[in-house]
Structure formats: C-alpha cells, structure tokens
Amino acid sequence: SIALVIGTTTYLQFRVVEGTLDTELVDAARLTALAVAD
C-alpha cells in the first residue's frame, strides 16, 4: 500500500512534467509558425 502510494505519486509527477513539456513544445511550434507566417 505504501509503495503503491509512492509509485503512483512518482508516476503522476512524471506525467505532469511530461504533459507540461509536451504543451510547451506544441505552443513553441505554433507560436514560431505564426510568427514566421506573419
């Protein structure tokens, strides 16, 4: 039970970081493309 809590917390933290980086890369690509297009 305790190990599951630790593992789940670690996994969720990595998922949050992964989602944040994914969003930042997508936003960077979109903003750069719009800036070049303008």
All heavy atoms as atom14 arrays in JSON, in Angstrom:
{
  "sequence": "SIALVIGTTTYLQFRVVEGTLDTELVDAARLTALAVAD",
  "atom14_mask": [
    [1, 1, 1, 1, 1, 1, 0, 0, 0, 0, 0, 0, 0, 0],
    [1, 1, 1, 1, 1, 1, 1, 1, 0, 0, 0, 0, 0, 0],
    [1, 1, 1, 1, 1, 0, 0, 0, 0, 0, 0, 0, 0, 0],
    [1, 1, 1, 1, 1, 1, 1, 1, 0, 0, 0, 0, 0, 0],
    [1, 1, 1, 1, 1, 1, 1, 0, 0, 0, 0, 0, 0, 0],
    [1, 1, 1, 1, 1, 1, 1, 1, 0, 0, 0, 0, 0, 0],
    [1, 1, 1, 1, 0, 0, 0, 0, 0, 0, 0, 0, 0, 0],
    [1, 1, 1, 1, 1, 1, 1, 0, 0, 0, 0, 0, 0, 0],
    [1, 1, 1, 1, 1, 1, 1, 0, 0, 0, 0, 0, 0, 0],
    [1, 1, 1, 1, 1, 1, 1, 0, 0, 0, 0, 0, 0, 0],
    [1, 1, 1, 1, 1, 1, 1, 1, 1, 1, 1, 1, 0, 0],
    [1, 1, 1, 1, 1, 1, 1, 1, 0, 0, 0, 0, 0, 0],
    [1, 1, 1, 1, 1, 1, 1, 1, 1, 0, 0, 0, 0, 0],
    [1, 1, 1, 1, 1, 1, 1, 1, 1, 1, 1, 0, 0, 0],
    [1, 1, 1, 1, 1, 1, 1, 1, 1, 1, 1, 0, 0, 0],
    [1, 1, 1, 1, 1, 1, 1, 0, 0, 0, 0, 0, 0, 0],
    [1, 1, 1, 1, 1, 1, 1, 0, 0, 0, 0, 0, 0, 0],
    [1, 1, 1, 1, 1, 1, 1, 1, 1, 0, 0, 0, 0, 0],
    [1, 1, 1, 1, 0, 0, 0, 0, 0, 0, 0, 0, 0, 0],
    [1, 1, 1, 1, 1, 1, 1, 0, 0, 0, 0, 0, 0, 0],
    [1, 1, 1, 1, 1, 1, 1, 1, 0, 0, 0, 0, 0, 0],
    [1, 1, 1, 1, 1, 1, 1, 1, 0, 0, 0, 0, 0, 0],
    [1, 1, 1, 1, 1, 1, 1, 0, 0, 0, 0, 0, 0, 0],
    [1, 1, 1, 1, 1, 1, 1, 1, 1, 0, 0, 0, 0, 0],
    [1, 1, 1, 1, 1, 1, 1, 1, 0, 0, 0, 0, 0, 0],
    [1, 1, 1, 1, 1, 1, 1, 0, 0, 0, 0, 0, 0, 0],
    [1, 1, 1, 1, 1, 1, 1, 1, 0, 0, 0, 0, 0, 0],
    [1, 1, 1, 1, 1, 0, 0, 0, 0, 0, 0, 0, 0, 0],
    [1, 1, 1, 1, 1, 0, 0, 0, 0, 0, 0, 0, 0, 0],
    [1, 1, 1, 1, 1, 1, 1, 1, 1, 1, 1, 0, 0, 0],
    [1, 1, 1, 1, 1, 1, 1, 1, 0, 0, 0, 0, 0, 0],
    [1, 1, 1, 1, 1, 1, 1, 0, 0, 0, 0, 0, 0, 0],
    [1, 1, 1, 1, 1, 0, 0, 0, 0, 0, 0, 0, 0, 0],
    [1, 1, 1, 1, 1, 1, 1, 1, 0, 0, 0, 0, 0, 0],
    [1, 1, 1, 1, 1, 0, 0, 0, 0, 0, 0, 0, 0, 0],
    [1, 1, 1, 1, 1, 1, 1, 0, 0, 0, 0, 0, 0, 0],
    [1, 1, 1, 1, 1, 0, 0, 0, 0, 0, 0, 0, 0, 0],
    [1, 1, 1, 1, 1, 1, 1, 1, 0, 0, 0, 0, 0, 0]
  ],
  "atom14_positions": [
    [[0.83, -1.21, 0.0], [0.0, 0.0, 0.0], [0.86, 1.26, 0.0], [0.64, 2.19, -0.8], [-0.92, -0.01, 1.22], [-1.78, -1.13, 1.18], [0.0, 0.0, 0.0], [0.0, 0.0, 0.0], [0.0, 0.0, 0.0], [0.0, 0.0, 0.0], [0.0, 0.0, 0.0], [0.0, 0.0, 0.0], [0.0, 0.0, 0.0], [0.0, 0.0, 0.0]],
    [[1.85, 1.3, 0.9], [2.72, 2.48, 0.96], [3.53, 2.62, -0.32], [3.69, 3.72, -0.87], [3.62, 2.4, 2.2], [2.76, 2.35, 3.48], [4.58, 3.58, 2.26], [3.57, 2.12, 4.74], [0.0, 0.0, 0.0], [0.0, 0.0, 0.0], [0.0, 0.0, 0.0], [0.0, 0.0, 0.0], [0.0, 0.0, 0.0], [0.0, 0.0, 0.0]],
    [[4.07, 1.49, -0.8], [4.85, 1.54, -2.03], [3.99, 1.96, -3.22], [4.45, 2.67, -4.11], [5.49, 0.18, -2.3], [0.0, 0.0, 0.0], [0.0, 0.0, 0.0], [0.0, 0.0, 0.0], [0.0, 0.0, 0.0], [0.0, 0.0, 0.0], [0.0, 0.0, 0.0], [0.0, 0.0, 0.0], [0.0, 0.0, 0.0], [0.0, 0.0, 0.0]],
    [[2.74, 1.53, -3.2], [1.85, 1.93, -4.29], [1.62, 3.45, -4.27], [1.58, 4.1, -5.32], [0.51, 1.19, -4.16], [-0.54, 1.51, -5.22], [-0.03, 1.12, -6.6], [-1.85, 0.79, -4.92], [0.0, 0.0, 0.0], [0.0, 0.0, 0.0], [0.0, 0.0, 0.0], [0.0, 0.0, 0.0], [0.0, 0.0, 0.0], [0.0, 0.0, 0.0]],
    [[1.46, 4.0, -3.08], [1.3, 5.45, -2.98], [2.54, 6.16, -3.5], [2.46, 7.14, -4.27], [1.0, 5.85, -1.52], [1.0, 7.37, -1.37], [-0.33, 5.28, -1.08], [0.0, 0.0, 0.0], [0.0, 0.0, 0.0], [0.0, 0.0, 0.0], [0.0, 0.0, 0.0], [0.0, 0.0, 0.0], [0.0, 0.0, 0.0], [0.0, 0.0, 0.0]],
    [[3.71, 5.67, -3.1], [4.96, 6.3, -3.56], [5.1, 6.18, -5.07], [5.41, 7.15, -5.77], [6.17, 5.65, -2.84], [6.1, 5.93, -1.33], [7.48, 6.18, -3.42], [7.17, 5.22, -0.54], [0.0, 0.0, 0.0], [0.0, 0.0, 0.0], [0.0, 0.0, 0.0], [0.0, 0.0, 0.0], [0.0, 0.0, 0.0], [0.0, 0.0, 0.0]],
    [[4.86, 4.96, -5.59], [5.0, 4.77, -7.03], [3.99, 5.58, -7.83], [4.31, 6.17, -8.86], [0.0, 0.0, 0.0], [0.0, 0.0, 0.0], [0.0, 0.0, 0.0], [0.0, 0.0, 0.0], [0.0, 0.0, 0.0], [0.0, 0.0, 0.0], [0.0, 0.0, 0.0], [0.0, 0.0, 0.0], [0.0, 0.0, 0.0], [0.0, 0.0, 0.0]],
    [[2.75, 5.63, -7.32], [1.73, 6.41, -8.02], [2.07, 7.89, -8.02], [1.91, 8.59, -9.03], [0.36, 6.17, -7.37], [0.06, 4.77, -7.39], [-0.73, 6.92, -8.12], [0.0, 0.0, 0.0], [0.0, 0.0, 0.0], [0.0, 0.0, 0.0], [0.0, 0.0, 0.0], [0.0, 0.0, 0.0], [0.0, 0.0, 0.0], [0.0, 0.0, 0.0]],
    [[2.54, 8.39, -6.86], [2.91, 9.8, -6.79], [4.05, 10.12, -7.74], [4.01, 11.13, -8.47], [3.32, 10.15, -5.35], [2.26, 9.81, -4.45], [3.63, 11.63, -5.23], [0.0, 0.0, 0.0], [0.0, 0.0, 0.0], [0.0, 0.0, 0.0], [0.0, 0.0, 0.0], [0.0, 0.0, 0.0], [0.0, 0.0, 0.0], [0.0, 0.0, 0.0]],
    [[5.05, 9.24, -7.77], [6.17, 9.46, -8.69], [5.71, 9.44, -10.14], [6.1, 10.28, -10.95], [7.25, 8.39, -8.47], [7.64, 8.39, -7.09], [8.46, 8.65, -9.33], [0.0, 0.0, 0.0], [0.0, 0.0, 0.0], [0.0, 0.0, 0.0], [0.0, 0.0, 0.0], [0.0, 0.0, 0.0], [0.0, 0.0, 0.0], [0.0, 0.0, 0.0]],
    [[4.86, 8.45, -10.46], [4.37, 8.35, -11.83], [3.56, 9.57, -12.23], [3.72, 10.11, -13.33], [3.52, 7.09, -11.96], [2.85, 6.94, -13.3], [3.57, 6.53, -14.41], [1.49, 7.2, -13.44], [2.95, 6.39, -15.64], [0.87, 7.08, -14.67], [1.61, 6.66, -15.77], [1.0, 6.54, -16.98], [0.0, 0.0, 0.0], [0.0, 0.0, 0.0]],
    [[2.69, 10.04, -11.32], [1.88, 11.22, -11.64], [2.75, 12.47, -11.8], [2.47, 13.32, -12.66], [0.83, 11.44, -10.53], [-0.26, 10.38, -10.44], [-1.18, 10.68, -9.26], [-1.06, 10.33, -11.73], [0.0, 0.0, 0.0], [0.0, 0.0, 0.0], [0.0, 0.0, 0.0], [0.0, 0.0, 0.0], [0.0, 0.0, 0.0], [0.0, 0.0, 0.0]],
    [[3.79, 12.58, -10.98], [4.69, 13.71, -11.14], [5.35, 13.7, -12.51], [5.44, 14.74, -13.19], [5.74, 13.7, -10.03], [5.19, 14.04, -8.65], [6.24, 13.9, -7.57], [7.31, 13.36, -7.8], [5.92, 14.38, -6.37], [0.0, 0.0, 0.0], [0.0, 0.0, 0.0], [0.0, 0.0, 0.0], [0.0, 0.0, 0.0], [0.0, 0.0, 0.0]],
    [[5.82, 12.54, -12.94], [6.42, 12.45, -14.27], [5.39, 12.75, -15.36], [5.73, 13.36, -16.38], [7.04, 11.06, -14.48], [8.42, 10.94, -13.91], [8.65, 10.23, -12.74], [9.51, 11.55, -14.52], [9.93, 10.1, -12.21], [10.78, 11.43, -13.99], [11.0, 10.72, -12.84], [0.0, 0.0, 0.0], [0.0, 0.0, 0.0], [0.0, 0.0, 0.0]],
    [[4.16, 12.29, -15.16], [3.15, 12.58, -16.16], [2.86, 14.07, -16.26], [2.65, 14.61, -17.34], [1.86, 11.82, -15.82], [1.92, 10.33, -16.1], [2.23, 10.03, -17.55], [1.27, 10.61, -18.44], [0.17, 10.01, -18.86], [-0.06, 8.78, -18.49], [-0.65, 10.61, -19.7], [0.0, 0.0, 0.0], [0.0, 0.0, 0.0], [0.0, 0.0, 0.0]],
    [[2.84, 14.74, -15.08], [2.62, 16.19, -15.1], [3.76, 16.89, -15.84], [3.55, 17.8, -16.67], [2.48, 16.72, -13.66], [2.47, 18.24, -13.66], [1.19, 16.2, -13.03], [0.0, 0.0, 0.0], [0.0, 0.0, 0.0], [0.0, 0.0, 0.0], [0.0, 0.0, 0.0], [0.0, 0.0, 0.0], [0.0, 0.0, 0.0], [0.0, 0.0, 0.0]],
    [[5.0, 16.47, -15.53], [6.15, 17.08, -16.2], [6.09, 16.79, -17.71], [6.33, 17.68, -18.54], [7.46, 16.53, -15.59], [8.67, 17.01, -16.4], [7.59, 16.99, -14.14], [0.0, 0.0, 0.0], [0.0, 0.0, 0.0], [0.0, 0.0, 0.0], [0.0, 0.0, 0.0], [0.0, 0.0, 0.0], [0.0, 0.0, 0.0], [0.0, 0.0, 0.0]],
    [[5.76, 15.55, -18.05], [5.68, 15.19, -19.47], [4.61, 16.02, -20.17], [4.82, 16.52, -21.28], [5.35, 13.71, -19.59], [5.18, 13.24, -21.02], [4.71, 11.8, -21.08], [4.72, 11.14, -20.03], [4.35, 11.35, -22.18], [0.0, 0.0, 0.0], [0.0, 0.0, 0.0], [0.0, 0.0, 0.0], [0.0, 0.0, 0.0], [0.0, 0.0, 0.0]],
    [[3.41, 16.16, -19.53], [2.36, 16.94, -20.14], [2.74, 18.41, -20.3], [2.44, 19.05, -21.31], [0.0, 0.0, 0.0], [0.0, 0.0, 0.0], [0.0, 0.0, 0.0], [0.0, 0.0, 0.0], [0.0, 0.0, 0.0], [0.0, 0.0, 0.0], [0.0, 0.0, 0.0], [0.0, 0.0, 0.0], [0.0, 0.0, 0.0], [0.0, 0.0, 0.0]],
    [[3.44, 18.95, -19.27], [3.87, 20.35, -19.36], [4.86, 20.56, -20.49], [4.75, 21.52, -21.29], [4.49, 20.78, -18.02], [3.53, 20.57, -16.97], [4.88, 22.25, -18.06], [0.0, 0.0, 0.0], [0.0, 0.0, 0.0], [0.0, 0.0, 0.0], [0.0, 0.0, 0.0], [0.0, 0.0, 0.0], [0.0, 0.0, 0.0], [0.0, 0.0, 0.0]],
    [[5.85, 19.66, -20.6], [6.84, 19.79, -21.67], [6.19, 19.59, -23.04], [6.52, 20.3, -24.0], [7.95, 18.75, -21.47], [8.83, 18.96, -20.23], [9.85, 17.85, -20.12], [9.53, 20.32, -20.28], [0.0, 0.0, 0.0], [0.0, 0.0, 0.0], [0.0, 0.0, 0.0], [0.0, 0.0, 0.0], [0.0, 0.0, 0.0], [0.0, 0.0, 0.0]],
    [[5.26, 18.65, -23.12], [4.57, 18.44, -24.39], [3.8, 19.69, -24.81], [3.86, 20.13, -25.97], [3.61, 17.25, -24.25], [2.96, 16.89, -25.57], [2.03, 17.6, -25.98], [3.39, 15.89, -26.2], [0.0, 0.0, 0.0], [0.0, 0.0, 0.0], [0.0, 0.0, 0.0], [0.0, 0.0, 0.0], [0.0, 0.0, 0.0], [0.0, 0.0, 0.0]],
    [[3.1, 20.3, -23.84], [2.35, 21.53, -24.14], [3.28, 22.66, -24.54], [2.99, 23.44, -25.48], [1.51, 21.93, -22.92], [0.64, 20.84, -22.57], [0.66, 23.15, -23.23], [0.0, 0.0, 0.0], [0.0, 0.0, 0.0], [0.0, 0.0, 0.0], [0.0, 0.0, 0.0], [0.0, 0.0, 0.0], [0.0, 0.0, 0.0], [0.0, 0.0, 0.0]],
    [[4.42, 22.77, -23.85], [5.36, 23.85, -24.17], [5.94, 23.66, -25.57], [6.08, 24.64, -26.33], [6.47, 23.88, -23.13], [6.01, 24.37, -21.75], [7.14, 24.37, -20.74], [8.23, 23.91, -21.09], [6.91, 24.84, -19.6], [0.0, 0.0, 0.0], [0.0, 0.0, 0.0], [0.0, 0.0, 0.0], [0.0, 0.0, 0.0], [0.0, 0.0, 0.0]],
    [[6.27, 22.42, -25.95], [6.79, 22.19, -27.29], [5.74, 22.5, -28.36], [6.03, 23.11, -29.39], [7.25, 20.73, -27.42], [8.54, 20.36, -26.68], [8.81, 18.87, -26.81], [9.72, 21.15, -27.22], [0.0, 0.0, 0.0], [0.0, 0.0, 0.0], [0.0, 0.0, 0.0], [0.0, 0.0, 0.0], [0.0, 0.0, 0.0], [0.0, 0.0, 0.0]],
    [[4.5, 22.08, -28.09], [3.43, 22.37, -29.06], [3.2, 23.87, -29.18], [3.06, 24.41, -30.29], [2.14, 21.64, -28.62], [0.96, 22.1, -29.47], [2.32, 20.13, -28.76], [0.0, 0.0, 0.0], [0.0, 0.0, 0.0], [0.0, 0.0, 0.0], [0.0, 0.0, 0.0], [0.0, 0.0, 0.0], [0.0, 0.0, 0.0], [0.0, 0.0, 0.0]],
    [[3.19, 24.57, -28.03], [2.99, 26.02, -28.07], [4.16, 26.7, -28.77], [3.97, 27.67, -29.54], [2.84, 26.57, -26.65], [1.52, 26.13, -26.03], [0.62, 25.72, -26.78], [1.39, 26.19, -24.79], [0.0, 0.0, 0.0], [0.0, 0.0, 0.0], [0.0, 0.0, 0.0], [0.0, 0.0, 0.0], [0.0, 0.0, 0.0], [0.0, 0.0, 0.0]],
    [[5.38, 26.24, -28.52], [6.54, 26.85, -29.17], [6.46, 26.69, -30.67], [6.74, 27.62, -31.44], [7.83, 26.23, -28.63], [0.0, 0.0, 0.0], [0.0, 0.0, 0.0], [0.0, 0.0, 0.0], [0.0, 0.0, 0.0], [0.0, 0.0, 0.0], [0.0, 0.0, 0.0], [0.0, 0.0, 0.0], [0.0, 0.0, 0.0], [0.0, 0.0, 0.0]],
    [[6.07, 25.48, -31.12], [5.94, 25.25, -32.56], [4.85, 26.13, -33.17], [5.03, 26.73, -34.23], [5.65, 23.78, -32.83], [0.0, 0.0, 0.0], [0.0, 0.0, 0.0], [0.0, 0.0, 0.0], [0.0, 0.0, 0.0], [0.0, 0.0, 0.0], [0.0, 0.0, 0.0], [0.0, 0.0, 0.0], [0.0, 0.0, 0.0], [0.0, 0.0, 0.0]],
    [[3.72, 26.23, -32.48], [2.61, 27.02, -33.02], [2.96, 28.5, -33.06], [2.73, 29.2, -34.07], [1.36, 26.78, -32.17], [0.13, 27.54, -32.64], [-1.07, 27.13, -31.82], [-0.85, 27.34, -30.39], [-1.04, 28.51, -29.79], [-1.45, 29.56, -30.47], [-0.83, 28.62, -28.48], [0.0, 0.0, 0.0], [0.0, 0.0, 0.0], [0.0, 0.0, 0.0]],
    [[3.55, 29.03, -31.96], [3.88, 30.46, -31.91], [4.96, 30.8, -32.93], [4.91, 31.84, -33.58], [4.32, 30.83, -30.5], [3.24, 30.73, -29.41], [3.82, 31.04, -28.04], [2.09, 31.68, -29.72], [0.0, 0.0, 0.0], [0.0, 0.0, 0.0], [0.0, 0.0, 0.0], [0.0, 0.0, 0.0], [0.0, 0.0, 0.0], [0.0, 0.0, 0.0]],
    [[5.95, 29.88, -33.07], [7.01, 30.14, -34.06], [6.44, 30.14, -35.47], [6.78, 31.0, -36.3], [8.11, 29.09, -33.93], [8.65, 29.12, -32.6], [9.22, 29.34, -34.92], [0.0, 0.0, 0.0], [0.0, 0.0, 0.0], [0.0, 0.0, 0.0], [0.0, 0.0, 0.0], [0.0, 0.0, 0.0], [0.0, 0.0, 0.0], [0.0, 0.0, 0.0]],
    [[5.58, 29.18, -35.77], [4.98, 29.12, -37.09], [4.14, 30.36, -37.38], [4.2, 30.93, -38.48], [4.12, 27.86, -37.22], [0.0, 0.0, 0.0], [0.0, 0.0, 0.0], [0.0, 0.0, 0.0], [0.0, 0.0, 0.0], [0.0, 0.0, 0.0], [0.0, 0.0, 0.0], [0.0, 0.0, 0.0], [0.0, 0.0, 0.0], [0.0, 0.0, 0.0]],
    [[3.39, 30.83, -36.4], [2.59, 32.03, -36.6], [3.46, 33.26, -36.77], [3.17, 34.14, -37.6], [1.64, 32.22, -35.4], [0.52, 31.19, -35.27], [-0.26, 31.4, -33.97], [-0.42, 31.27, -36.46], [0.0, 0.0, 0.0], [0.0, 0.0, 0.0], [0.0, 0.0, 0.0], [0.0, 0.0, 0.0], [0.0, 0.0, 0.0], [0.0, 0.0, 0.0]],
    [[4.57, 33.32, -36.0], [5.47, 34.47, -36.12], [6.13, 34.51, -37.5], [6.2, 35.56, -38.15], [6.53, 34.43, -35.03], [0.0, 0.0, 0.0], [0.0, 0.0, 0.0], [0.0, 0.0, 0.0], [0.0, 0.0, 0.0], [0.0, 0.0, 0.0], [0.0, 0.0, 0.0], [0.0, 0.0, 0.0], [0.0, 0.0, 0.0], [0.0, 0.0, 0.0]],
    [[6.6, 33.34, -37.97], [7.21, 33.29, -39.31], [6.18, 33.63, -40.38], [6.46, 34.35, -41.33], [7.82, 31.89, -39.55], [8.32, 31.77, -40.98], [8.95, 31.64, -38.58], [0.0, 0.0, 0.0], [0.0, 0.0, 0.0], [0.0, 0.0, 0.0], [0.0, 0.0, 0.0], [0.0, 0.0, 0.0], [0.0, 0.0, 0.0], [0.0, 0.0, 0.0]],
    [[4.95, 33.1, -40.23], [3.91, 33.4, -41.2], [3.6, 34.88, -41.24], [3.46, 35.48, -42.32], [2.66, 32.58, -40.88], [0.0, 0.0, 0.0], [0.0, 0.0, 0.0], [0.0, 0.0, 0.0], [0.0, 0.0, 0.0], [0.0, 0.0, 0.0], [0.0, 0.0, 0.0], [0.0, 0.0, 0.0], [0.0, 0.0, 0.0], [0.0, 0.0, 0.0]],
    [[3.47, 35.52, -40.07], [3.2, 36.96, -40.05], [4.32, 37.74, -40.71], [4.07, 38.71, -41.47], [3.03, 37.42, -38.6], [1.75, 36.86, -37.99], [0.86, 36.46, -38.76], [1.66, 36.81, -36.74], [0.0, 0.0, 0.0], [0.0, 0.0, 0.0], [0.0, 0.0, 0.0], [0.0, 0.0, 0.0], [0.0, 0.0, 0.0], [0.0, 0.0, 0.0]]
  ]
}
